[in-house]
Amino acid sequence: MATTLGWLIVAFLGLIVFVRIVAWDKLPFFAELDAAVEVLFLPAWLVLLGGLFGKQWWLAGAAALICAAQVVYVAPELLASSPVPASVRSEPTIRLFDANVAQWNYSMSGYITQLKSYRPEVLAMEETVPGDYTQLKTAGVLATLPYQYQITCCGSRGFIIASHYPLLHVKVSSYEGLQYLIRSSLVLPNRTINFWVVHTTAPTDPGVSDWNQELDGIDAQLMSIHPRPLLMVGDFNASWGSRGFRAILSTGLTDAAAARGDPFAFTWSQDLPILPPIIRIDHVLTAGPVTVTEIQTQAGPGSDHRDITATVATASARGG
């Protein structure tokens, strides 16, 4: 029975590896599984140990191949860790708060408590509904964030962006009528930076094609505009296991959680039975003289996503 189960695990994970080789993120279901490679492939290690102890050499060999595939997939994220440069520690910083608040979450009371405690200077919220802004404004948490932009929506593509600093040149990118990227300029005391907020379609059937198009759209704009310095945040619905997200990183962006040595700070889903979140699909990315010095996640009250707080250092314009 144990040997049969081991072969079933190896066969299932081997199919995922095969589909990733021939059709990376092009098929529904498999695109979702690719986003969870850090956790999904862990049973292969148990099969490997069981095969070795049970002298099931063919099974152990097959499991070893699956384990090797996981190492190849996960190693770049693990190796992205680096210390905060000493020169950055003296640079001005801003406090960032980002959250997918979930469109069915009609109470902002938990987020209001968090915002009063953290006092962000830049706020980004995805999947907002019209009443969310009213609640935040009434509670006074937007009083110190006078520069605001909203996409008022009753579905998953509502956005709220609020800043203590001027927010200029806002442009919105859409695909098939769905907004997935807001580009703006954030005028800080020491320099102006590009500030982009993301929320893509989930890669579930039939949305996987839209998801790929949106991630490819972000990648194309990064390649054509080459925004530097850049701070980009939001719900990408993608991880390091996702083709489109890897392409975005390959344009020279730094994933803050991975860079700060916390690649397993998973943000989705808080609603899994028994299990903690198993995928990191909400991100803070930077490029140029913008460095995240601290980043944390915390429970998103009423959402299926954990939210993110980050301290972001921005070198002065004279310093680069």
C-alpha atoms as a PDB file:
ATOM      1  CA  MET A   1       0.000   0.000   0.000  1.00  0.00           C
ATOM      2  CA  ALA A   2       2.777   2.449   0.929  1.00  0.00           C
ATOM      3  CA  THR A   3       4.666   1.645  -2.270  1.00  0.00           C
ATOM      4  CA  THR A   4       1.547   2.208  -4.372  1.00  0.00           C
ATOM      5  CA  LEU A   5       0.913   5.535  -2.682  1.00  0.00           C
ATOM      6  CA  GLY A   6       4.526   6.513  -3.280  1.00  0.00           C
ATOM      7  CA  TRP A   7       4.231   5.772  -6.995  1.00  0.00           C
ATOM      8  CA  LEU A   8       0.987   7.759  -7.212  1.00  0.00           C
ATOM      9  CA  ILE A   9       2.691  10.765  -5.605  1.00  0.00           C
ATOM     10  CA  VAL A  10       5.668  10.491  -7.947  1.00  0.00           C
ATOM     11  CA  ALA A  11       3.429  10.103 -10.997  1.00  0.00           C
ATOM     12  CA  PHE A  12       1.306  13.115 -10.082  1.00  0.00           C
ATOM     13  CA  LEU A  13       4.300  15.362  -9.411  1.00  0.00           C
ATOM     14  CA  GLY A  14       6.070  14.023 -12.491  1.00  0.00           C
ATOM     15  CA  LEU A  15       3.070  15.073 -14.583  1.00  0.00           C
ATOM     16  CA  ILE A  16       3.353  18.597 -13.149  1.00  0.00           C
ATOM     17  CA  VAL A  17       7.043  18.694 -14.068  1.00  0.00           C
ATOM     18  CA  PHE A  18       6.268  17.469 -17.594  1.00  0.00           C
ATOM     19  CA  VAL A  19       3.499  20.023 -18.160  1.00  0.00           C
ATOM     20  CA  ARG A  20       5.768  22.777 -16.830  1.00  0.00           C
ATOM     21  CA  ILE A  21       8.415  21.802 -19.394  1.00  0.00           C
ATOM     22  CA  VAL A  22       6.073  21.680 -22.388  1.00  0.00           C
ATOM     23  CA  ALA A  23       3.359  24.220 -21.474  1.00  0.00           C
ATOM     24  CA  TRP A  24       4.493  26.327 -18.531  1.00  0.00           C
ATOM     25  CA  ASP A  25       1.465  28.129 -17.074  1.00  0.00           C
ATOM     26  CA  LYS A  26      -0.623  27.684 -20.199  1.00  0.00           C
ATOM     27  CA  LEU A  27      -3.093  25.182 -18.758  1.00  0.00           C
ATOM     28  CA  PRO A  28      -5.697  25.764 -16.024  1.00  0.00           C
ATOM     29  CA  PHE A  29      -5.113  23.807 -12.819  1.00  0.00           C
ATOM     30  CA  PHE A  30      -1.431  23.255 -13.631  1.00  0.00           C
ATOM     31  CA  ALA A  31      -0.801  27.017 -13.545  1.00  0.00           C
ATOM     32  CA  GLU A  32      -2.182  27.050 -10.012  1.00  0.00           C
ATOM     33  CA  LEU A  33       0.000  24.103  -8.999  1.00  0.00           C
ATOM     34  CA  ASP A  34       3.130  25.780 -10.411  1.00  0.00           C
ATOM     35  CA  ALA A  35       2.601  28.638  -7.963  1.00  0.00           C
ATOM     36  CA  ALA A  36       2.900  26.255  -5.008  1.00  0.00           C
ATOM     37  CA  VAL A  37       6.075  24.318  -5.835  1.00  0.00           C
ATOM     38  CA  GLU A  38       7.694  25.192  -2.488  1.00  0.00           C
ATOM     39  CA  VAL A  39       5.063  23.141  -0.643  1.00  0.00           C
ATOM     40  CA  LEU A  40       3.523  20.899  -3.289  1.00  0.00           C
ATOM     41  CA  PHE A  41       6.669  18.853  -3.949  1.00  0.00           C
ATOM     42  CA  LEU A  42       7.501  18.173  -0.296  1.00  0.00           C
ATOM     43  CA  PRO A  43       5.839  14.703  -0.269  1.00  0.00           C
ATOM     44  CA  ALA A  44       8.440  13.564  -2.811  1.00  0.00           C
ATOM     45  CA  TRP A  45      11.099  13.848  -0.107  1.00  0.00           C
ATOM     46  CA  LEU A  46       9.115  11.500   2.132  1.00  0.00           C
ATOM     47  CA  VAL A  47       8.753   9.070  -0.761  1.00  0.00           C
ATOM     48  CA  LEU A  48      12.505   9.279  -1.354  1.00  0.00           C
ATOM     49  CA  LEU A  49      13.263   8.426   2.268  1.00  0.00           C
ATOM     50  CA  GLY A  50      10.677   5.654   2.300  1.00  0.00           C
ATOM     51  CA  GLY A  51      12.079   4.200  -0.891  1.00  0.00           C
ATOM     52  CA  LEU A  52      15.620   4.218   0.450  1.00  0.00           C
ATOM     53  CA  PHE A  53      14.730   2.655   3.803  1.00  0.00           C
ATOM     54  CA  GLY A  54      12.463   0.118   2.101  1.00  0.00           C
ATOM     55  CA  LYS A  55      15.074  -0.640  -0.567  1.00  0.00           C
ATOM     56  CA  GLN A  56      12.600   0.293  -3.277  1.00  0.00           C
ATOM     57  CA  TRP A  57      15.347   1.575  -5.542  1.00  0.00           C
ATOM     58  CA  TRP A  58      13.248   2.416  -8.597  1.00  0.00           C
ATOM     59  CA  LEU A  59      10.790   4.333  -6.465  1.00  0.00           C
ATOM     60  CA  ALA A  60      13.603   6.128  -4.649  1.00  0.00           C
ATOM     61  CA  GLY A  61      15.224   7.036  -7.970  1.00  0.00           C
ATOM     62  CA  ALA A  62      11.993   8.425  -9.388  1.00  0.00           C
ATOM     63  CA  ALA A  63      11.356  10.424  -6.210  1.00  0.00           C
ATOM     64  CA  ALA A  64      14.921  11.756  -6.341  1.00  0.00           C
ATOM     65  CA  LEU A  65      14.249  13.180  -9.794  1.00  0.00           C
ATOM     66  CA  ILE A  66      11.163  14.978  -8.472  1.00  0.00           C
ATOM     67  CA  CYS A  67      13.173  16.316  -5.525  1.00  0.00           C
ATOM     68  CA  ALA A  68      15.859  17.541  -7.910  1.00  0.00           C
ATOM     69  CA  ALA A  69      13.200  19.359  -9.935  1.00  0.00           C
ATOM     70  CA  GLN A  70      11.966  21.109  -6.801  1.00  0.00           C
ATOM     71  CA  VAL A  71      15.494  22.196  -5.932  1.00  0.00           C
ATOM     72  CA  VAL A  72      15.912  23.658  -9.419  1.00  0.00           C
ATOM     73  CA  TYR A  73      12.585  25.476  -9.132  1.00  0.00           C
ATOM     74  CA  VAL A  74      13.067  26.853  -5.625  1.00  0.00           C
ATOM     75  CA  ALA A  75      16.808  27.568  -5.515  1.00  0.00           C
ATOM     76  CA  PRO A  76      16.681  30.975  -7.271  1.00  0.00           C
ATOM     77  CA  GLU A  77      14.210  32.291  -4.701  1.00  0.00           C
ATOM     78  CA  LEU A  78      16.223  30.919  -1.785  1.00  0.00           C
ATOM     79  CA  LEU A  79      19.497  32.291  -3.154  1.00  0.00           C
ATOM     80  CA  ALA A  80      18.053  35.782  -3.688  1.00  0.00           C
ATOM     81  CA  SER A  81      18.664  36.703  -0.041  1.00  0.00           C
ATOM     82  CA  SER A  82      21.155  39.487   0.601  1.00  0.00           C
ATOM     83  CA  PRO A  83      21.937  41.865   3.462  1.00  0.00           C
ATOM     84  CA  VAL A  84      20.653  45.419   3.388  1.00  0.00           C
ATOM     85  CA  PRO A  85      23.535  47.541   2.050  1.00  0.00           C
ATOM     86  CA  ALA A  86      25.135  49.654   4.745  1.00  0.00           C
ATOM     87  CA  SER A  87      24.780  52.766   2.580  1.00  0.00           C
ATOM     88  CA  VAL A  88      20.999  52.370   2.538  1.00  0.00           C
ATOM     89  CA  ARG A  89      20.588  52.457   6.309  1.00  0.00           C
ATOM     90  CA  SER A  90      21.072  56.221   6.414  1.00  0.00           C
ATOM     91  CA  GLU A  91      18.680  56.961   3.546  1.00  0.00           C
ATOM     92  CA  PRO A  92      15.134  58.374   4.030  1.00  0.00           C
ATOM     93  CA  THR A  93      12.400  55.766   4.348  1.00  0.00           C
ATOM     94  CA  ILE A  94       8.656  55.495   3.821  1.00  0.00           C
ATOM     95  CA  ARG A  95       6.175  53.109   5.432  1.00  0.00           C
ATOM     96  CA  LEU A  96       4.164  51.054   2.949  1.00  0.00           C
ATOM     97  CA  PHE A  97       0.967  49.069   3.545  1.00  0.00           C
ATOM     98  CA  ASP A  98      -0.487  46.783   0.858  1.00  0.00           C
ATOM     99  CA  ALA A  99      -3.521  44.499   1.103  1.00  0.00           C
ATOM    100  CA  ASN A 100      -5.957  42.561  -1.016  1.00  0.00           C
ATOM    101  CA  VAL A 101      -8.967  43.181   1.209  1.00  0.00           C
ATOM    102  CA  ALA A 102     -11.326  40.720  -0.619  1.00  0.00           C
ATOM    103  CA  GLN A 103     -14.434  41.959  -2.404  1.00  0.00           C
ATOM    104  CA  TRP A 104     -16.793  40.018  -0.109  1.00  0.00           C
ATOM    105  CA  ASN A 105     -15.258  41.600   3.015  1.00  0.00           C
ATOM    106  CA  TYR A 106     -17.659  44.425   3.841  1.00  0.00           C
ATOM    107  CA  SER A 107     -16.063  45.504   7.124  1.00  0.00           C
ATOM    108  CA  MET A 108     -12.840  47.512   7.140  1.00  0.00           C
ATOM    109  CA  SER A 109     -12.716  47.654  10.939  1.00  0.00           C
ATOM    110  CA  GLY A 110      -9.778  45.277  11.192  1.00  0.00           C
ATOM    111  CA  TYR A 111      -7.785  47.174   8.572  1.00  0.00           C
ATOM    112  CA  ILE A 112      -8.648  50.460  10.252  1.00  0.00           C
ATOM    113  CA  THR A 113      -7.109  49.161  13.474  1.00  0.00           C
ATOM    114  CA  GLN A 114      -3.986  48.065  11.604  1.00  0.00           C
ATOM    115  CA  LEU A 115      -3.667  51.373   9.768  1.00  0.00           C
ATOM    116  CA  LYS A 116      -4.043  53.394  12.953  1.00  0.00           C
ATOM    117  CA  SER A 117      -1.270  51.345  14.510  1.00  0.00           C
ATOM    118  CA  TYR A 118       1.126  51.262  11.543  1.00  0.00           C
ATOM    119  CA  ARG A 119       0.454  54.777  10.168  1.00  0.00           C
ATOM    120  CA  PRO A 120       1.599  54.127   6.595  1.00  0.00           C
ATOM    121  CA  GLU A 121       2.755  56.923   4.340  1.00  0.00           C
ATOM    122  CA  VAL A 122       1.734  54.983   1.236  1.00  0.00           C
ATOM    123  CA  LEU A 123      -1.324  52.722   1.116  1.00  0.00           C
ATOM    124  CA  ALA A 124      -2.440  50.355  -1.635  1.00  0.00           C
ATOM    125  CA  MET A 125      -5.543  48.179  -1.471  1.00  0.00           C
ATOM    126  CA  GLU A 126      -6.804  45.782  -4.105  1.00  0.00           C
ATOM    127  CA  GLU A 127     -10.233  44.179  -4.580  1.00  0.00           C
ATOM    128  CA  THR A 128     -12.009  47.043  -2.859  1.00  0.00           C
ATOM    129  CA  VAL A 129     -15.722  47.841  -3.048  1.00  0.00           C
ATOM    130  CA  PRO A 130     -17.230  51.362  -2.865  1.00  0.00           C
ATOM    131  CA  GLY A 131     -18.078  51.176   0.831  1.00  0.00           C
ATOM    132  CA  ASP A 132     -14.468  50.435   1.801  1.00  0.00           C
ATOM    133  CA  TYR A 133     -13.281  53.966   1.052  1.00  0.00           C
ATOM    134  CA  THR A 134     -16.176  55.482   2.992  1.00  0.00           C
ATOM    135  CA  GLN A 135     -15.308  53.405   6.048  1.00  0.00           C
ATOM    136  CA  LEU A 136     -11.620  54.305   5.878  1.00  0.00           C
ATOM    137  CA  LYS A 137     -12.351  58.005   5.434  1.00  0.00           C
ATOM    138  CA  THR A 138     -14.927  58.105   8.221  1.00  0.00           C
ATOM    139  CA  ALA A 139     -12.475  56.405  10.593  1.00  0.00           C
ATOM    140  CA  GLY A 140      -9.890  59.110   9.848  1.00  0.00           C
ATOM    141  CA  VAL A 141      -7.128  56.791   8.654  1.00  0.00           C
ATOM    142  CA  LEU A 142      -6.884  58.649   5.335  1.00  0.00           C
ATOM    143  CA  ALA A 143      -6.483  62.072   6.950  1.00  0.00           C
ATOM    144  CA  THR A 144      -2.691  61.984   6.622  1.00  0.00           C
ATOM    145  CA  LEU A 145      -2.894  60.457   3.131  1.00  0.00           C
ATOM    146  CA  PRO A 146      -4.483  63.299   1.129  1.00  0.00           C
ATOM    147  CA  TYR A 147      -3.258  62.249  -2.310  1.00  0.00           C
ATOM    148  CA  GLN A 148      -5.661  59.552  -3.420  1.00  0.00           C
ATOM    149  CA  TYR A 149      -6.729  57.564  -6.448  1.00  0.00           C
ATOM    150  CA  GLN A 150      -9.591  55.087  -6.677  1.00  0.00           C
ATOM    151  CA  ILE A 151     -11.053  52.676  -9.140  1.00  0.00           C
ATOM    152  CA  THR A 152     -14.572  52.257  -7.828  1.00  0.00           C
ATOM    153  CA  CYS A 153     -15.725  48.787  -8.633  1.00  0.00           C
ATOM    154  CA  CYS A 154     -18.187  46.261  -7.309  1.00  0.00           C
ATOM    155  CA  GLY A 155     -15.979  43.338  -8.312  1.00  0.00           C
ATOM    156  CA  SER A 156     -12.407  42.228  -7.939  1.00  0.00           C
ATOM    157  CA  ARG A 157     -10.847  45.214  -9.745  1.00  0.00           C
ATOM    158  CA  GLY A 158     -11.485  47.949  -7.247  1.00  0.00           C
ATOM    159  CA  PHE A 159      -8.382  49.823  -6.068  1.00  0.00           C
ATOM    160  CA  ILE A 160      -7.618  52.394  -3.397  1.00  0.00           C
ATOM    161  CA  ILE A 161      -4.276  54.187  -3.446  1.00  0.00           C
ATOM    162  CA  ALA A 162      -3.540  56.857  -0.852  1.00  0.00           C
ATOM    163  CA  SER A 163      -0.311  58.690  -0.129  1.00  0.00           C
ATOM    164  CA  HIS A 164       1.129  61.276   2.208  1.00  0.00           C
ATOM    165  CA  TYR A 165       3.108  62.500  -0.806  1.00  0.00           C
ATOM    166  CA  PRO A 166       1.863  63.819  -4.151  1.00  0.00           C
ATOM    167  CA  LEU A 167       0.661  61.111  -6.515  1.00  0.00           C
ATOM    168  CA  LEU A 168       0.981  62.194 -10.143  1.00  0.00           C
ATOM    169  CA  HIS A 169       0.680  60.968 -13.728  1.00  0.00           C
ATOM    170  CA  VAL A 170      -1.727  58.105 -12.987  1.00  0.00           C
ATOM    171  CA  LYS A 171      -2.271  55.694 -15.865  1.00  0.00           C
ATOM    172  CA  VAL A 172      -4.350  52.513 -15.844  1.00  0.00           C
ATOM    173  CA  SER A 173      -3.737  49.391 -17.929  1.00  0.00           C
ATOM    174  CA  SER A 174      -6.640  47.053 -18.704  1.00  0.00           C
ATOM    175  CA  TYR A 175      -7.159  43.786 -20.522  1.00  0.00           C
ATOM    176  CA  GLU A 176     -10.605  42.679 -21.684  1.00  0.00           C
ATOM    177  CA  GLY A 177     -12.100  45.488 -19.619  1.00  0.00           C
ATOM    178  CA  LEU A 178     -10.336  44.462 -16.398  1.00  0.00           C
ATOM    179  CA  GLN A 179      -7.866  46.878 -14.786  1.00  0.00           C
ATOM    180  CA  TYR A 180      -4.706  45.073 -13.739  1.00  0.00           C
ATOM    181  CA  LEU A 181      -2.044  47.794 -13.368  1.00  0.00           C
ATOM    182  CA  ILE A 182      -2.015  51.361 -12.075  1.00  0.00           C
ATOM    183  CA  ARG A 183       1.132  53.353 -12.867  1.00  0.00           C
ATOM    184  CA  SER A 184       1.913  56.614 -11.122  1.00  0.00           C
ATOM    185  CA  SER A 185       4.699  58.855  -9.857  1.00  0.00           C
ATOM    186  CA  LEU A 186       5.255  59.354  -6.152  1.00  0.00           C
ATOM    187  CA  VAL A 187       6.876  62.701  -5.320  1.00  0.00           C
ATOM    188  CA  LEU A 188       8.924  62.124  -2.170  1.00  0.00           C
ATOM    189  CA  PRO A 189      10.895  64.844  -0.364  1.00  0.00           C
ATOM    190  CA  ASN A 190      14.201  63.534  -1.681  1.00  0.00           C
ATOM    191  CA  ARG A 191      13.206  62.301  -5.147  1.00  0.00           C
ATOM    192  CA  THR A 192      10.391  61.159  -7.414  1.00  0.00           C
ATOM    193  CA  ILE A 193       9.873  57.433  -7.889  1.00  0.00           C
ATOM    194  CA  ASN A 194       7.613  55.302 -10.059  1.00  0.00           C
ATOM    195  CA  PHE A 195       4.856  53.631  -8.054  1.00  0.00           C
ATOM    196  CA  TRP A 196       2.942  50.761  -9.668  1.00  0.00           C
ATOM    197  CA  VAL A 197       0.060  48.794  -8.124  1.00  0.00           C
ATOM    198  CA  VAL A 198      -0.940  45.390  -9.511  1.00  0.00           C
ATOM    199  CA  HIS A 199      -3.912  43.050  -9.341  1.00  0.00           C
ATOM    200  CA  THR A 200      -4.115  40.345 -11.981  1.00  0.00           C
ATOM    201  CA  THR A 201      -6.764  37.764 -12.782  1.00  0.00           C
ATOM    202  CA  ALA A 202      -6.507  34.502 -10.853  1.00  0.00           C
ATOM    203  CA  PRO A 203      -5.129  31.649 -13.025  1.00  0.00           C
ATOM    204  CA  THR A 204      -8.252  29.526 -12.697  1.00  0.00           C
ATOM    205  CA  ASP A 205     -10.309  28.208 -15.562  1.00  0.00           C
ATOM    206  CA  PRO A 206     -11.216  30.127 -17.717  1.00  0.00           C
ATOM    207  CA  GLY A 207      -9.057  33.039 -16.512  1.00  0.00           C
ATOM    208  CA  VAL A 208      -5.604  31.552 -17.076  1.00  0.00           C
ATOM    209  CA  SER A 209      -5.286  33.151 -20.524  1.00  0.00           C
ATOM    210  CA  ASP A 210      -6.221  36.591 -19.153  1.00  0.00           C
ATOM    211  CA  TRP A 211      -3.765  36.092 -16.284  1.00  0.00           C
ATOM    212  CA  ASN A 212      -0.934  35.349 -18.704  1.00  0.00           C
ATOM    213  CA  GLN A 213      -1.835  38.326 -20.870  1.00  0.00           C
ATOM    214  CA  GLU A 214      -1.827  40.642 -17.853  1.00  0.00           C
ATOM    215  CA  LEU A 215       1.519  39.398 -16.517  1.00  0.00           C
ATOM    216  CA  ASP A 216       2.955  39.659 -20.024  1.00  0.00           C
ATOM    217  CA  GLY A 217       1.538  43.190 -20.215  1.00  0.00           C
ATOM    218  CA  ILE A 218       3.375  44.185 -17.032  1.00  0.00           C
ATOM    219  CA  ASP A 219       6.560  42.630 -18.384  1.00  0.00           C
ATOM    220  CA  ALA A 220       6.189  44.441 -21.712  1.00  0.00           C
ATOM    221  CA  GLN A 221       5.741  47.809 -19.994  1.00  0.00           C
ATOM    222  CA  LEU A 222       8.744  47.201 -17.775  1.00  0.00           C
ATOM    223  CA  MET A 223      10.796  46.418 -20.849  1.00  0.00           C
ATOM    224  CA  SER A 224       9.586  49.407 -22.874  1.00  0.00           C
ATOM    225  CA  ILE A 225       9.404  52.066 -20.134  1.00  0.00           C
ATOM    226  CA  HIS A 226      12.248  50.747 -17.976  1.00  0.00           C
ATOM    227  CA  PRO A 227      10.996  52.638 -14.900  1.00  0.00           C
ATOM    228  CA  ARG A 228      13.755  53.538 -12.469  1.00  0.00           C
ATOM    229  CA  PRO A 229      13.486  54.039  -9.567  1.00  0.00           C
ATOM    230  CA  LEU A 230      10.462  51.782  -9.094  1.00  0.00           C
ATOM    231  CA  LEU A 231       8.301  50.539  -6.246  1.00  0.00           C
ATOM    232  CA  MET A 232       5.714  47.976  -7.378  1.00  0.00           C
ATOM    233  CA  VAL A 233       3.232  46.270  -5.059  1.00  0.00           C
ATOM    234  CA  GLY A 234       0.073  44.223  -5.155  1.00  0.00           C
ATOM    235  CA  ASP A 235      -1.576  40.883  -5.772  1.00  0.00           C
ATOM    236  CA  PHE A 236       0.110  39.305  -8.775  1.00  0.00           C
ATOM    237  CA  ASN A 237      -1.704  35.975  -8.306  1.00  0.00           C
ATOM    238  CA  ALA A 238       1.730  34.566  -9.136  1.00  0.00           C
ATOM    239  CA  SER A 239       4.810  33.271  -7.367  1.00  0.00           C
ATOM    240  CA  TRP A 240       8.383  32.418  -8.301  1.00  0.00           C
ATOM    241  CA  GLY A 241       6.921  29.220  -9.720  1.00  0.00           C
ATOM    242  CA  SER A 242       4.986  31.227 -12.306  1.00  0.00           C
ATOM    243  CA  ARG A 243       6.403  31.902 -15.769  1.00  0.00           C
ATOM    244  CA  GLY A 244       5.026  35.431 -16.032  1.00  0.00           C
ATOM    245  CA  PHE A 245       6.318  36.463 -12.621  1.00  0.00           C
ATOM    246  CA  ARG A 246       9.780  35.111 -13.410  1.00  0.00           C
ATOM    247  CA  ALA A 247       9.746  37.203 -16.590  1.00  0.00           C
ATOM    248  CA  ILE A 248       8.885  40.309 -14.552  1.00  0.00           C
ATOM    249  CA  LEU A 249      11.757  39.652 -12.164  1.00  0.00           C
ATOM    250  CA  SER A 250      14.121  39.105 -15.081  1.00  0.00           C
ATOM    251  CA  THR A 251      13.745  42.780 -16.078  1.00  0.00           C
ATOM    252  CA  GLY A 252      15.961  43.623 -13.105  1.00  0.00           C
ATOM    253  CA  LEU A 253      13.474  43.819 -10.256  1.00  0.00           C
ATOM    254  CA  THR A 254      14.155  42.735  -6.682  1.00  0.00           C
ATOM    255  CA  ASP A 255      11.589  40.724  -4.750  1.00  0.00           C
ATOM    256  CA  ALA A 256      11.698  42.301  -1.288  1.00  0.00           C
ATOM    257  CA  ALA A 257      10.660  39.237   0.745  1.00  0.00           C
ATOM    258  CA  ALA A 258      13.194  37.004  -0.979  1.00  0.00           C
ATOM    259  CA  ALA A 259      15.910  39.649  -0.737  1.00  0.00           C
ATOM    260  CA  ARG A 260      15.326  40.032   2.996  1.00  0.00           C
ATOM    261  CA  GLY A 261      15.602  36.269   3.504  1.00  0.00           C
ATOM    262  CA  ASP A 262      11.901  35.540   3.980  1.00  0.00           C
ATOM    263  CA  PRO A 263      10.807  33.758   0.771  1.00  0.00           C
ATOM    264  CA  PHE A 264       8.335  31.577   2.647  1.00  0.00           C
ATOM    265  CA  ALA A 265       6.303  34.487   4.012  1.00  0.00           C
ATOM    266  CA  PHE A 266       3.248  33.034   2.277  1.00  0.00           C
ATOM    267  CA  THR A 267       0.268  35.333   1.804  1.00  0.00           C
ATOM    268  CA  TRP A 268      -2.515  33.085   0.463  1.00  0.00           C
ATOM    269  CA  SER A 269      -4.813  31.552   1.507  1.00  0.00           C
ATOM    270  CA  GLN A 270      -5.734  32.288   5.085  1.00  0.00           C
ATOM    271  CA  ASP A 271      -8.928  30.267   4.589  1.00  0.00           C
ATOM    272  CA  LEU A 272      -7.437  26.814   4.056  1.00  0.00           C
ATOM    273  CA  PRO A 273      -8.769  24.163   6.454  1.00  0.00           C
ATOM    274  CA  ILE A 274      -6.082  23.335   9.044  1.00  0.00           C
ATOM    275  CA  LEU A 275      -3.213  24.482   6.795  1.00  0.00           C
ATOM    276  CA  PRO A 276      -1.541  27.903   6.976  1.00  0.00           C
ATOM    277  CA  PRO A 277      -1.078  29.951   3.773  1.00  0.00           C
ATOM    278  CA  ILE A 278       1.003  27.986   1.250  1.00  0.00           C
ATOM    279  CA  ILE A 279       1.615  30.440  -1.621  1.00  0.00           C
ATOM    280  CA  ARG A 280       3.241  33.876  -1.794  1.00  0.00           C
ATOM    281  CA  ILE A 281       1.328  35.759  -4.481  1.00  0.00           C
ATOM    282  CA  ASP A 282       1.364  39.269  -2.951  1.00  0.00           C
ATOM    283  CA  HIS A 283       4.643  41.051  -3.512  1.00  0.00           C
ATOM    284  CA  VAL A 284       6.701  44.183  -3.053  1.00  0.00           C
ATOM    285  CA  LEU A 285       9.172  44.623  -5.918  1.00  0.00           C
ATOM    286  CA  THR A 286      11.789  47.331  -6.361  1.00  0.00           C
ATOM    287  CA  ALA A 287      14.248  48.564  -8.953  1.00  0.00           C
ATOM    288  CA  GLY A 288      16.909  51.243  -9.028  1.00  0.00           C
ATOM    289  CA  PRO A 289      17.749  53.191  -5.855  1.00  0.00           C
ATOM    290  CA  VAL A 290      14.754  51.828  -3.924  1.00  0.00           C
ATOM    291  CA  THR A 291      15.399  49.205  -1.239  1.00  0.00           C
ATOM    292  CA  VAL A 292      13.045  47.468   1.144  1.00  0.00           C
ATOM    293  CA  THR A 293      14.849  47.298   4.465  1.00  0.00           C
ATOM    294  CA  GLU A 294      12.087  45.531   6.419  1.00  0.00           C
ATOM    295  CA  ILE A 295       9.049  43.558   5.285  1.00  0.00           C
ATOM    296  CA  GLN A 296       6.406  41.656   7.218  1.00  0.00           C
ATOM    297  CA  THR A 297       3.048  40.000   6.671  1.00  0.00           C
ATOM    298  CA  GLN A 298       0.120  39.956   9.037  1.00  0.00           C
ATOM    299  CA  ALA A 299      -3.372  38.517   9.023  1.00  0.00           C
ATOM    300  CA  GLY A 300      -5.663  40.384   6.655  1.00  0.00           C
ATOM    301  CA  PRO A 301      -8.841  40.832   8.738  1.00  0.00           C
ATOM    302  CA  GLY A 302     -11.755  39.366   6.803  1.00  0.00           C
ATOM    303  CA  SER A 303      -9.695  38.608   3.685  1.00  0.00           C
ATOM    304  CA  ASP A 304      -8.191  35.395   2.337  1.00  0.00           C
ATOM    305  CA  HIS A 305      -4.888  37.267   1.860  1.00  0.00           C
ATOM    306  CA  ARG A 306      -2.347  38.296   4.455  1.00  0.00           C
ATOM    307  CA  ASP A 307      -1.378  41.941   4.082  1.00  0.00           C
ATOM    308  CA  ILE A 308       2.117  43.378   3.801  1.00  0.00           C
ATOM    309  CA  THR A 309       3.924  46.172   5.600  1.00  0.00           C
ATOM    310  CA  ALA A 310       7.327  47.342   4.450  1.00  0.00           C
ATOM    311  CA  THR A 311       9.889  50.006   5.205  1.00  0.00           C
ATOM    312  CA  VAL A 312      11.262  51.338   1.939  1.00  0.00           C
ATOM    313  CA  ALA A 313      14.485  53.321   1.647  1.00  0.00           C
ATOM    314  CA  THR A 314      14.849  55.752  -1.244  1.00  0.00           C
ATOM    315  CA  ALA A 315      18.254  57.177  -2.043  1.00  0.00           C
ATOM    316  CA  SER A 316      18.332  60.894  -2.689  1.00  0.00           C
ATOM    317  CA  ALA A 317      18.399  62.077  -6.277  1.00  0.00           C
ATOM    318  CA  ARG A 318      21.910  63.397  -5.781  1.00  0.00           C
ATOM    319  CA  GLY A 319      23.016  60.029  -4.423  1.00  0.00           C
ATOM    320  CA  GLY A 320      21.569  58.061  -7.335  1.00  0.00           C
END
